[in-house]
Amino acid sequence: MRFVWQLLAVAVVTMIGGQAVAAVEDSPWVQLVLGLLTSVLAVLVYGWVVRKTEHRPSTEVARKGAEAAIGRGMLIGVAMFGAVITNIAVHAHYDINGLGSVTGAVGLVGFMGAAAVTEELLFRGVLFRIIEERTGTWIALTLTGALFGAMHLFNPHASLWGALAIAIEAGGMLAAAYAATRNLWLPIGLHFGWNFAAAGIFSTEVSGNDTQQGLLDTVTSGPTWVTGGDFGPEGSVYAVLFGILATIGFMWLARKRGNLVPRRRADRLAATTTLPR
C-alpha cells in the first residue's frame, strides 16, 4: 500500500497544482508564484508520505546539498539542450529574429519548475525507486522510461517516435541520474534545465506543446529527423544521441559508486523487506 499512498499523494498535488499553473498562463508573475508553491508543496507532501509509509527519513529529498545538486542538474540540462540547438542550427535552420518575451520566460520558470518537480517525484521518486526494489536498476529504468515516454503520447503533435525519443533521452537519463546520486535533486535540476532551455530560452516546442514565447524570438525549420518537426527538438536524433550518452555516463557513475541494484539483490529485498506494501 505504500506505493498506492505515495502515488496518490503526489498525483493529487500534481493535478491541482498543474491545473492552477496552466490556468494563469496570461499572468506570468502569478504563474511563477504558483509554480514555485506547487514545487515546494509537492516535495513536502512526498517527504511526509514517504516517512509515514516507509518509517524512514526521506533522504532522497533531504535539504542538505539540495541547492548544489539542483544547480549542477540545471547546468547539465541547459548545456545538453544548447548542444541540440547548435546541431539543429548547423544541419537545418534555427533562426533568431531578436529578443522574445522576458515576462514569458518568467512565467515559464514557474510552469517548468512545477512540471519538473512533480514528474520527478512521481516517476523517479515513487515509480522507479519502488520498482527497482523488486526488479533491479536496469529493468526499473527500462519500464519507467517506457511509461514516461508513453505518457507523452497524449501531448499535442505526439507521435510514436516522439514518445520513444522521450523514453530514451529523458526517461532513461533521469532515472540514471537518480541511480547515480540516490537523490532527486539532480534529476529535478536536469529536467528543469532542459525544459526551461527549450521553452524559456530558445523558444521551441516542448514535447509537442506550444508554450508562451521565451527570451528569444526564433524559427526552426528543416528535416524532421534533425529538428524534431512539430514535436520539437526533443524529437531530434541529436536529443536522443545526447540523452543516450548522458544515460551511459550516469549509469557508469552509479556502478562506480555501488548504487546499482542487481536483479538477485532486488529479489532478496522483496522477499525480506518488512515495509508495508
C-alpha atoms as a PDB file:
ATOM      1  CA  MET A   1       0.000   0.000   0.000  1.00  0.00           C
ATOM      2  CA  ARG A   2       2.937   2.386   0.393  1.00  0.00           C
ATOM      3  CA  PHE A   3       3.177   2.525  -3.408  1.00  0.00           C
ATOM      4  CA  VAL A   4      -0.502   3.446  -3.690  1.00  0.00           C
ATOM      5  CA  TRP A   5      -0.412   6.085  -0.961  1.00  0.00           C
ATOM      6  CA  GLN A   6       2.754   7.725  -2.278  1.00  0.00           C
ATOM      7  CA  LEU A   7       1.477   7.749  -5.856  1.00  0.00           C
ATOM      8  CA  LEU A   8      -1.894   9.183  -4.864  1.00  0.00           C
ATOM      9  CA  ALA A   9      -0.439  11.867  -2.599  1.00  0.00           C
ATOM     10  CA  VAL A  10       1.948  13.232  -5.220  1.00  0.00           C
ATOM     11  CA  ALA A  11      -0.592  12.802  -8.047  1.00  0.00           C
ATOM     12  CA  VAL A  12      -3.156  14.957  -6.228  1.00  0.00           C
ATOM     13  CA  VAL A  13      -0.659  17.809  -5.799  1.00  0.00           C
ATOM     14  CA  THR A  14       0.430  17.369  -9.429  1.00  0.00           C
ATOM     15  CA  MET A  15      -3.111  17.571 -10.795  1.00  0.00           C
ATOM     16  CA  ILE A  16      -4.279  20.519  -8.697  1.00  0.00           C
ATOM     17  CA  GLY A  17      -1.027  22.471  -8.985  1.00  0.00           C
ATOM     18  CA  GLY A  18      -0.630  21.744 -12.689  1.00  0.00           C
ATOM     19  CA  GLN A  19      -4.129  22.967 -13.499  1.00  0.00           C
ATOM     20  CA  ALA A  20      -3.650  26.101 -11.427  1.00  0.00           C
ATOM     21  CA  VAL A  21      -0.329  26.938 -13.093  1.00  0.00           C
ATOM     22  CA  ALA A  22      -1.723  26.331 -16.590  1.00  0.00           C
ATOM     23  CA  ALA A  23      -4.818  28.456 -15.867  1.00  0.00           C
ATOM     24  CA  VAL A  24      -2.780  31.626 -15.261  1.00  0.00           C
ATOM     25  CA  GLU A  25      -0.663  31.430 -18.417  1.00  0.00           C
ATOM     26  CA  ASP A  26      -1.543  35.046 -19.243  1.00  0.00           C
ATOM     27  CA  SER A  27      -0.223  36.260 -15.870  1.00  0.00           C
ATOM     28  CA  PRO A  28       3.462  35.277 -15.835  1.00  0.00           C
ATOM     29  CA  TRP A  29       4.242  36.578 -12.336  1.00  0.00           C
ATOM     30  CA  VAL A  30       1.272  34.732 -10.869  1.00  0.00           C
ATOM     31  CA  GLN A  31       2.326  31.653 -12.811  1.00  0.00           C
ATOM     32  CA  LEU A  32       5.820  31.934 -11.344  1.00  0.00           C
ATOM     33  CA  VAL A  33       4.482  32.103  -7.786  1.00  0.00           C
ATOM     34  CA  LEU A  34       2.001  29.251  -8.261  1.00  0.00           C
ATOM     35  CA  GLY A  35       4.653  27.108  -9.928  1.00  0.00           C
ATOM     36  CA  LEU A  36       7.081  27.602  -7.061  1.00  0.00           C
ATOM     37  CA  LEU A  37       4.363  26.929  -4.485  1.00  0.00           C
ATOM     38  CA  THR A  38       3.369  23.729  -6.295  1.00  0.00           C
ATOM     39  CA  SER A  39       7.006  22.601  -6.362  1.00  0.00           C
ATOM     40  CA  VAL A  40       7.543  23.216  -2.647  1.00  0.00           C
ATOM     41  CA  LEU A  41       4.215  21.621  -1.665  1.00  0.00           C
ATOM     42  CA  ALA A  42       4.910  18.548  -3.811  1.00  0.00           C
ATOM     43  CA  VAL A  43       8.306  17.982  -2.154  1.00  0.00           C
ATOM     44  CA  LEU A  44       6.826  18.435   1.321  1.00  0.00           C
ATOM     45  CA  VAL A  45       3.970  16.024   0.598  1.00  0.00           C
ATOM     46  CA  TYR A  46       6.337  13.465  -0.907  1.00  0.00           C
ATOM     47  CA  GLY A  47       8.668  13.664   2.096  1.00  0.00           C
ATOM     48  CA  TRP A  48       5.762  13.352   4.515  1.00  0.00           C
ATOM     49  CA  VAL A  49       4.110  10.362   2.806  1.00  0.00           C
ATOM     50  CA  VAL A  50       7.422   8.505   2.468  1.00  0.00           C
ATOM     51  CA  ARG A  51       8.161   8.978   6.168  1.00  0.00           C
ATOM     52  CA  LYS A  52       4.676   7.802   7.126  1.00  0.00           C
ATOM     53  CA  THR A  53       4.557   4.748   4.847  1.00  0.00           C
ATOM     54  CA  GLU A  54       8.188   3.599   4.983  1.00  0.00           C
ATOM     55  CA  HIS A  55       9.102   4.701   8.525  1.00  0.00           C
ATOM     56  CA  ARG A  56      12.413   6.230   7.443  1.00  0.00           C
ATOM     57  CA  PRO A  57      13.831   9.684   6.703  1.00  0.00           C
ATOM     58  CA  SER A  58      13.078  10.792   3.139  1.00  0.00           C
ATOM     59  CA  THR A  59      16.794  11.135   2.331  1.00  0.00           C
ATOM     60  CA  GLU A  60      16.200  11.443  -1.417  1.00  0.00           C
ATOM     61  CA  VAL A  61      14.740  14.916  -0.826  1.00  0.00           C
ATOM     62  CA  ALA A  62      16.946  15.916   2.118  1.00  0.00           C
ATOM     63  CA  ARG A  63      17.666  19.655   2.223  1.00  0.00           C
ATOM     64  CA  LYS A  64      21.417  19.222   2.696  1.00  0.00           C
ATOM     65  CA  GLY A  65      23.173  19.702  -0.637  1.00  0.00           C
ATOM     66  CA  ALA A  66      19.906  20.350  -2.489  1.00  0.00           C
ATOM     67  CA  GLU A  67      20.905  23.723  -3.960  1.00  0.00           C
ATOM     68  CA  ALA A  68      24.223  22.458  -5.329  1.00  0.00           C
ATOM     69  CA  ALA A  69      22.645  19.342  -6.834  1.00  0.00           C
ATOM     70  CA  ILE A  70      19.837  21.310  -8.473  1.00  0.00           C
ATOM     71  CA  GLY A  71      22.378  23.788  -9.836  1.00  0.00           C
ATOM     72  CA  ARG A  72      24.515  21.021 -11.338  1.00  0.00           C
ATOM     73  CA  GLY A  73      21.476  19.445 -12.897  1.00  0.00           C
ATOM     74  CA  MET A  74      20.327  22.745 -14.390  1.00  0.00           C
ATOM     75  CA  LEU A  75      23.744  23.371 -15.935  1.00  0.00           C
ATOM     76  CA  ILE A  76      23.777  19.894 -17.475  1.00  0.00           C
ATOM     77  CA  GLY A  77      20.230  20.308 -18.823  1.00  0.00           C
ATOM     78  CA  VAL A  78      20.839  23.735 -20.359  1.00  0.00           C
ATOM     79  CA  ALA A  79      24.172  22.636 -21.848  1.00  0.00           C
ATOM     80  CA  MET A  80      22.643  19.490 -23.368  1.00  0.00           C
ATOM     81  CA  PHE A  81      19.737  21.338 -24.943  1.00  0.00           C
ATOM     82  CA  GLY A  82      22.112  24.050 -26.149  1.00  0.00           C
ATOM     83  CA  ALA A  83      24.132  21.320 -27.883  1.00  0.00           C
ATOM     84  CA  VAL A  84      20.941  20.032 -29.555  1.00  0.00           C
ATOM     85  CA  ILE A  85      20.062  23.529 -30.796  1.00  0.00           C
ATOM     86  CA  THR A  86      23.624  24.011 -32.067  1.00  0.00           C
ATOM     87  CA  ASN A  87      23.368  20.848 -34.168  1.00  0.00           C
ATOM     88  CA  ILE A  88      19.966  21.902 -35.490  1.00  0.00           C
ATOM     89  CA  ALA A  89      21.426  25.289 -36.472  1.00  0.00           C
ATOM     90  CA  VAL A  90      24.331  23.575 -38.269  1.00  0.00           C
ATOM     91  CA  HIS A  91      22.352  20.850 -40.065  1.00  0.00           C
ATOM     92  CA  ALA A  92      18.993  22.569 -40.572  1.00  0.00           C
ATOM     93  CA  HIS A  93      17.680  26.043 -39.771  1.00  0.00           C
ATOM     94  CA  TYR A  94      17.393  27.732 -36.406  1.00  0.00           C
ATOM     95  CA  ASP A  95      16.973  31.468 -36.928  1.00  0.00           C
ATOM     96  CA  ILE A  96      16.996  34.073 -34.171  1.00  0.00           C
ATOM     97  CA  ASN A  97      14.946  37.136 -35.126  1.00  0.00           C
ATOM     98  CA  GLY A  98      15.689  39.066 -31.951  1.00  0.00           C
ATOM     99  CA  LEU A  99      14.567  39.193 -28.356  1.00  0.00           C
ATOM    100  CA  GLY A 100      11.351  37.487 -27.375  1.00  0.00           C
ATOM    101  CA  SER A 101       9.494  37.956 -24.098  1.00  0.00           C
ATOM    102  CA  VAL A 102      11.208  38.367 -20.742  1.00  0.00           C
ATOM    103  CA  THR A 103       7.910  38.104 -18.875  1.00  0.00           C
ATOM    104  CA  GLY A 104       7.077  34.973 -20.865  1.00  0.00           C
ATOM    105  CA  ALA A 105      10.337  33.438 -19.661  1.00  0.00           C
ATOM    106  CA  VAL A 106       9.455  34.408 -16.071  1.00  0.00           C
ATOM    107  CA  GLY A 107       6.159  32.537 -16.302  1.00  0.00           C
ATOM    108  CA  LEU A 108       7.923  29.538 -17.796  1.00  0.00           C
ATOM    109  CA  VAL A 109      10.196  29.313 -14.743  1.00  0.00           C
ATOM    110  CA  GLY A 110       7.104  28.561 -12.660  1.00  0.00           C
ATOM    111  CA  PHE A 111       5.476  26.310 -15.246  1.00  0.00           C
ATOM    112  CA  MET A 112       8.557  24.217 -15.976  1.00  0.00           C
ATOM    113  CA  GLY A 113       9.604  24.172 -12.335  1.00  0.00           C
ATOM    114  CA  ALA A 114       6.297  22.659 -11.245  1.00  0.00           C
ATOM    115  CA  ALA A 115       6.392  20.144 -14.106  1.00  0.00           C
ATOM    116  CA  ALA A 116       9.975  19.068 -13.383  1.00  0.00           C
ATOM    117  CA  VAL A 117       9.458  18.633  -9.636  1.00  0.00           C
ATOM    118  CA  THR A 118       6.139  16.786  -9.765  1.00  0.00           C
ATOM    119  CA  GLU A 119       7.159  14.497 -12.636  1.00  0.00           C
ATOM    120  CA  GLU A 120      10.433  13.557 -10.955  1.00  0.00           C
ATOM    121  CA  LEU A 121       8.687  12.832  -7.664  1.00  0.00           C
ATOM    122  CA  LEU A 122       6.170  10.615  -9.452  1.00  0.00           C
ATOM    123  CA  PHE A 123       8.379   8.803 -11.943  1.00  0.00           C
ATOM    124  CA  ARG A 124      11.743   8.610 -10.199  1.00  0.00           C
ATOM    125  CA  GLY A 125      10.776   9.103  -6.546  1.00  0.00           C
ATOM    126  CA  VAL A 126       7.840   6.698  -6.458  1.00  0.00           C
ATOM    127  CA  LEU A 127       7.730   4.524  -9.583  1.00  0.00           C
ATOM    128  CA  PHE A 128      11.423   3.946 -10.328  1.00  0.00           C
ATOM    129  CA  ARG A 129      12.533   3.678  -6.713  1.00  0.00           C
ATOM    130  CA  ILE A 130       9.921   1.116  -5.678  1.00  0.00           C
ATOM    131  CA  ILE A 131      10.032  -0.899  -8.912  1.00  0.00           C
ATOM    132  CA  GLU A 132      13.828  -1.007  -8.626  1.00  0.00           C
ATOM    133  CA  GLU A 133      13.489  -2.739  -5.248  1.00  0.00           C
ATOM    134  CA  ARG A 134      11.611  -5.576  -6.964  1.00  0.00           C
ATOM    135  CA  THR A 135      13.339  -5.835 -10.339  1.00  0.00           C
ATOM    136  CA  GLY A 136      16.778  -4.220 -10.119  1.00  0.00           C
ATOM    137  CA  THR A 137      18.037  -0.984 -11.621  1.00  0.00           C
ATOM    138  CA  TRP A 138      18.166  -1.874 -15.319  1.00  0.00           C
ATOM    139  CA  ILE A 139      14.662  -3.320 -15.550  1.00  0.00           C
ATOM    140  CA  ALA A 140      13.202  -0.466 -13.496  1.00  0.00           C
ATOM    141  CA  LEU A 141      14.954   2.058 -15.736  1.00  0.00           C
ATOM    142  CA  THR A 142      13.536   0.388 -18.858  1.00  0.00           C
ATOM    143  CA  LEU A 143       9.989   0.047 -17.519  1.00  0.00           C
ATOM    144  CA  THR A 144       9.652   3.533 -16.078  1.00  0.00           C
ATOM    145  CA  GLY A 145      11.381   5.075 -19.090  1.00  0.00           C
ATOM    146  CA  ALA A 146       8.865   3.406 -21.401  1.00  0.00           C
ATOM    147  CA  LEU A 147       5.986   4.595 -19.216  1.00  0.00           C
ATOM    148  CA  PHE A 148       7.369   8.139 -19.169  1.00  0.00           C
ATOM    149  CA  GLY A 149       7.576   8.123 -22.955  1.00  0.00           C
ATOM    150  CA  ALA A 150       4.080   6.655 -23.339  1.00  0.00           C
ATOM    151  CA  MET A 151       2.643   9.439 -21.166  1.00  0.00           C
ATOM    152  CA  HIS A 152       3.758  11.930 -23.811  1.00  0.00           C
ATOM    153  CA  LEU A 153       1.585  10.228 -26.453  1.00  0.00           C
ATOM    154  CA  PHE A 154      -1.280  12.336 -25.102  1.00  0.00           C
ATOM    155  CA  ASN A 155       0.521  15.603 -25.920  1.00  0.00           C
ATOM    156  CA  PRO A 156      -0.336  17.726 -28.966  1.00  0.00           C
ATOM    157  CA  HIS A 157       1.628  16.743 -32.100  1.00  0.00           C
ATOM    158  CA  ALA A 158       2.569  13.476 -30.395  1.00  0.00           C
ATOM    159  CA  SER A 159       3.924  10.548 -32.384  1.00  0.00           C
ATOM    160  CA  LEU A 160       5.271   7.090 -31.679  1.00  0.00           C
ATOM    161  CA  TRP A 161       8.786   8.325 -32.488  1.00  0.00           C
ATOM    162  CA  GLY A 162       8.374  11.297 -30.152  1.00  0.00           C
ATOM    163  CA  ALA A 163       7.288   9.014 -27.289  1.00  0.00           C
ATOM    164  CA  LEU A 164      10.210   6.670 -27.977  1.00  0.00           C
ATOM    165  CA  ALA A 165      12.615   9.611 -28.041  1.00  0.00           C
ATOM    166  CA  ILE A 166      11.315  10.866 -24.688  1.00  0.00           C
ATOM    167  CA  ALA A 167      11.557   7.362 -23.205  1.00  0.00           C
ATOM    168  CA  ILE A 168      15.231   7.120 -24.192  1.00  0.00           C
ATOM    169  CA  GLU A 169      16.572  10.636 -23.753  1.00  0.00           C
ATOM    170  CA  ALA A 170      14.519  11.629 -20.703  1.00  0.00           C
ATOM    171  CA  GLY A 171      13.048   8.554 -19.027  1.00  0.00           C
ATOM    172  CA  GLY A 172      16.290   6.628 -19.138  1.00  0.00           C
ATOM    173  CA  MET A 173      18.596   9.576 -18.469  1.00  0.00           C
ATOM    174  CA  LEU A 174      16.670  10.927 -15.476  1.00  0.00           C
ATOM    175  CA  ALA A 175      16.356   7.504 -13.844  1.00  0.00           C
ATOM    176  CA  ALA A 176      20.097   7.004 -14.357  1.00  0.00           C
ATOM    177  CA  ALA A 177      20.739  10.411 -12.761  1.00  0.00           C
ATOM    178  CA  TYR A 178      18.778   9.299  -9.711  1.00  0.00           C
ATOM    179  CA  ALA A 179      20.610   5.953  -9.597  1.00  0.00           C
ATOM    180  CA  ALA A 180      23.972   7.748  -9.729  1.00  0.00           C
ATOM    181  CA  THR A 181      23.175  10.155  -6.885  1.00  0.00           C
ATOM    182  CA  ARG A 182      20.410   8.458  -4.910  1.00  0.00           C
ATOM    183  CA  ASN A 183      18.678  11.794  -4.504  1.00  0.00           C
ATOM    184  CA  LEU A 184      16.025  13.536  -6.580  1.00  0.00           C
ATOM    185  CA  TRP A 185      17.620  16.971  -6.715  1.00  0.00           C
ATOM    186  CA  LEU A 186      19.973  16.320  -9.634  1.00  0.00           C
ATOM    187  CA  PRO A 187      17.251  14.853 -11.898  1.00  0.00           C
ATOM    188  CA  ILE A 188      14.904  17.672 -10.885  1.00  0.00           C
ATOM    189  CA  GLY A 189      17.518  20.270 -11.845  1.00  0.00           C
ATOM    190  CA  LEU A 190      18.356  18.429 -15.056  1.00  0.00           C
ATOM    191  CA  HIS A 191      14.683  18.114 -16.017  1.00  0.00           C
ATOM    192  CA  PHE A 192      14.044  21.792 -15.316  1.00  0.00           C
ATOM    193  CA  GLY A 193      17.209  22.969 -17.078  1.00  0.00           C
ATOM    194  CA  TRP A 194      16.345  21.008 -20.220  1.00  0.00           C
ATOM    195  CA  ASN A 195      12.707  22.132 -20.344  1.00  0.00           C
ATOM    196  CA  PHE A 196      13.406  25.757 -19.495  1.00  0.00           C
ATOM    197  CA  ALA A 197      16.175  25.939 -22.084  1.00  0.00           C
ATOM    198  CA  ALA A 198      13.758  24.558 -24.687  1.00  0.00           C
ATOM    199  CA  ALA A 199      10.899  26.955 -23.969  1.00  0.00           C
ATOM    200  CA  GLY A 200      12.248  29.761 -21.797  1.00  0.00           C
ATOM    201  CA  ILE A 201      15.492  30.438 -23.652  1.00  0.00           C
ATOM    202  CA  PHE A 202      15.326  29.016 -27.189  1.00  0.00           C
ATOM    203  CA  SER A 203      11.521  29.328 -27.579  1.00  0.00           C
ATOM    204  CA  THR A 204      10.901  25.900 -29.116  1.00  0.00           C
ATOM    205  CA  GLU A 205       8.136  23.359 -28.612  1.00  0.00           C
ATOM    206  CA  VAL A 206       8.419  21.081 -25.588  1.00  0.00           C
ATOM    207  CA  SER A 207       7.272  17.508 -26.237  1.00  0.00           C
ATOM    208  CA  GLY A 208       4.762  18.753 -28.821  1.00  0.00           C
ATOM    209  CA  ASN A 209       3.408  21.561 -26.638  1.00  0.00           C
ATOM    210  CA  ASP A 210       3.436  25.145 -27.860  1.00  0.00           C
ATOM    211  CA  THR A 211       4.297  27.325 -24.880  1.00  0.00           C
ATOM    212  CA  GLN A 212       4.439  31.083 -24.468  1.00  0.00           C
ATOM    213  CA  GLN A 213       7.455  32.749 -26.047  1.00  0.00           C
ATOM    214  CA  GLY A 214      10.731  32.706 -24.157  1.00  0.00           C
ATOM    215  CA  LEU A 215      13.722  35.027 -24.206  1.00  0.00           C
ATOM    216  CA  LEU A 216      14.420  34.630 -27.931  1.00  0.00           C
ATOM    217  CA  ASP A 217      12.190  35.110 -30.971  1.00  0.00           C
ATOM    218  CA  THR A 218      13.096  32.095 -33.094  1.00  0.00           C
ATOM    219  CA  VAL A 219      12.043  29.999 -36.081  1.00  0.00           C
ATOM    220  CA  THR A 220      13.075  26.380 -36.654  1.00  0.00           C
ATOM    221  CA  SER A 221      12.789  24.573 -39.984  1.00  0.00           C
ATOM    222  CA  GLY A 222      14.416  21.713 -41.831  1.00  0.00           C
ATOM    223  CA  PRO A 223      14.339  17.892 -41.929  1.00  0.00           C
ATOM    224  CA  THR A 224      12.222  16.352 -39.174  1.00  0.00           C
ATOM    225  CA  TRP A 225      14.978  13.925 -38.151  1.00  0.00           C
ATOM    226  CA  VAL A 226      17.156  16.943 -37.316  1.00  0.00           C
ATOM    227  CA  THR A 227      14.600  19.396 -35.892  1.00  0.00           C
ATOM    228  CA  GLY A 228      12.020  17.021 -34.410  1.00  0.00           C
ATOM    229  CA  GLY A 229       9.275  18.611 -36.522  1.00  0.00           C
ATOM    230  CA  ASP A 230       6.074  19.631 -34.756  1.00  0.00           C
ATOM    231  CA  PHE A 231       7.084  17.617 -31.689  1.00  0.00           C
ATOM    232  CA  GLY A 232      10.029  19.961 -31.137  1.00  0.00           C
ATOM    233  CA  PRO A 233      13.774  19.366 -30.723  1.00  0.00           C
ATOM    234  CA  GLU A 234      13.144  16.507 -28.277  1.00  0.00           C
ATOM    235  CA  GLY A 235      12.231  14.509 -31.381  1.00  0.00           C
ATOM    236  CA  SER A 236      15.623  15.243 -32.947  1.00  0.00           C
ATOM    237  CA  VAL A 237      18.108  12.396 -33.332  1.00  0.00           C
ATOM    238  CA  TYR A 238      20.638  14.679 -31.633  1.00  0.00           C
ATOM    239  CA  ALA A 239      18.480  14.881 -28.496  1.00  0.00           C
ATOM    240  CA  VAL A 240      18.268  11.076 -28.449  1.00  0.00           C
ATOM    241  CA  LEU A 241      22.024  10.740 -29.005  1.00  0.00           C
ATOM    242  CA  PHE A 242      22.952  13.147 -26.206  1.00  0.00           C
ATOM    243  CA  GLY A 243      20.394  11.508 -23.929  1.00  0.00           C
ATOM    244  CA  ILE A 244      21.927   8.080 -24.521  1.00  0.00           C
ATOM    245  CA  LEU A 245      25.419   9.402 -23.836  1.00  0.00           C
ATOM    246  CA  ALA A 246      24.261  11.047 -20.598  1.00  0.00           C
ATOM    247  CA  THR A 247      22.493   7.841 -19.525  1.00  0.00           C
ATOM    248  CA  ILE A 248      25.655   5.820 -20.123  1.00  0.00           C
ATOM    249  CA  GLY A 249      27.656   8.342 -18.108  1.00  0.00           C
ATOM    250  CA  PHE A 250      25.237   8.325 -15.172  1.00  0.00           C
ATOM    251  CA  MET A 251      24.987   4.525 -15.151  1.00  0.00           C
ATOM    252  CA  TRP A 252      28.767   4.250 -15.181  1.00  0.00           C
ATOM    253  CA  LEU A 253      28.868   6.590 -12.205  1.00  0.00           C
ATOM    254  CA  ALA A 254      26.146   4.595 -10.443  1.00  0.00           C
ATOM    255  CA  ARG A 255      28.118   1.392 -10.958  1.00  0.00           C
ATOM    256  CA  LYS A 256      31.331   3.012  -9.753  1.00  0.00           C
ATOM    257  CA  ARG A 257      29.573   4.184  -6.578  1.00  0.00           C
ATOM    258  CA  GLY A 258      27.972   0.790  -5.978  1.00  0.00           C
ATOM    259  CA  ASN A 259      24.477   2.218  -6.454  1.00  0.00           C
ATOM    260  CA  LEU A 260      23.161  -0.326  -8.960  1.00  0.00           C
ATOM    261  CA  VAL A 261      20.647  -2.831  -7.613  1.00  0.00           C
ATOM    262  CA  PRO A 262      21.122  -6.199  -9.367  1.00  0.00           C
ATOM    263  CA  ARG A 263      18.132  -8.440 -10.029  1.00  0.00           C
ATOM    264  CA  ARG A 264      19.152 -11.074  -7.481  1.00  0.00           C
ATOM    265  CA  ARG A 265      19.585  -8.457  -4.755  1.00  0.00           C
ATOM    266  CA  ALA A 266      16.198  -6.998  -5.671  1.00  0.00           C
ATOM    267  CA  ASP A 267      14.615 -10.434  -5.258  1.00  0.00           C
ATOM    268  CA  ARG A 268      16.147 -10.753  -1.785  1.00  0.00           C
ATOM    269  CA  LEU A 269      14.959  -7.272  -0.818  1.00  0.00           C
ATOM    270  CA  ALA A 270      11.435  -8.073  -1.950  1.00  0.00           C
ATOM    271  CA  ALA A 271      11.465 -11.322  -0.002  1.00  0.00           C
ATOM    272  CA  THR A 272      12.851  -9.913   3.249  1.00  0.00           C
ATOM    273  CA  THR A 273      11.508  -6.364   3.471  1.00  0.00           C
ATOM    274  CA  THR A 274       9.140  -5.633   6.332  1.00  0.00           C
ATOM    275  CA  LEU A 275       7.848  -2.410   4.827  1.00  0.00           C
ATOM    276  CA  PRO A 276       4.090  -2.297   4.215  1.00  0.00           C
ATOM    277  CA  ARG A 277       3.081  -2.926   0.614  1.00  0.00           C
END
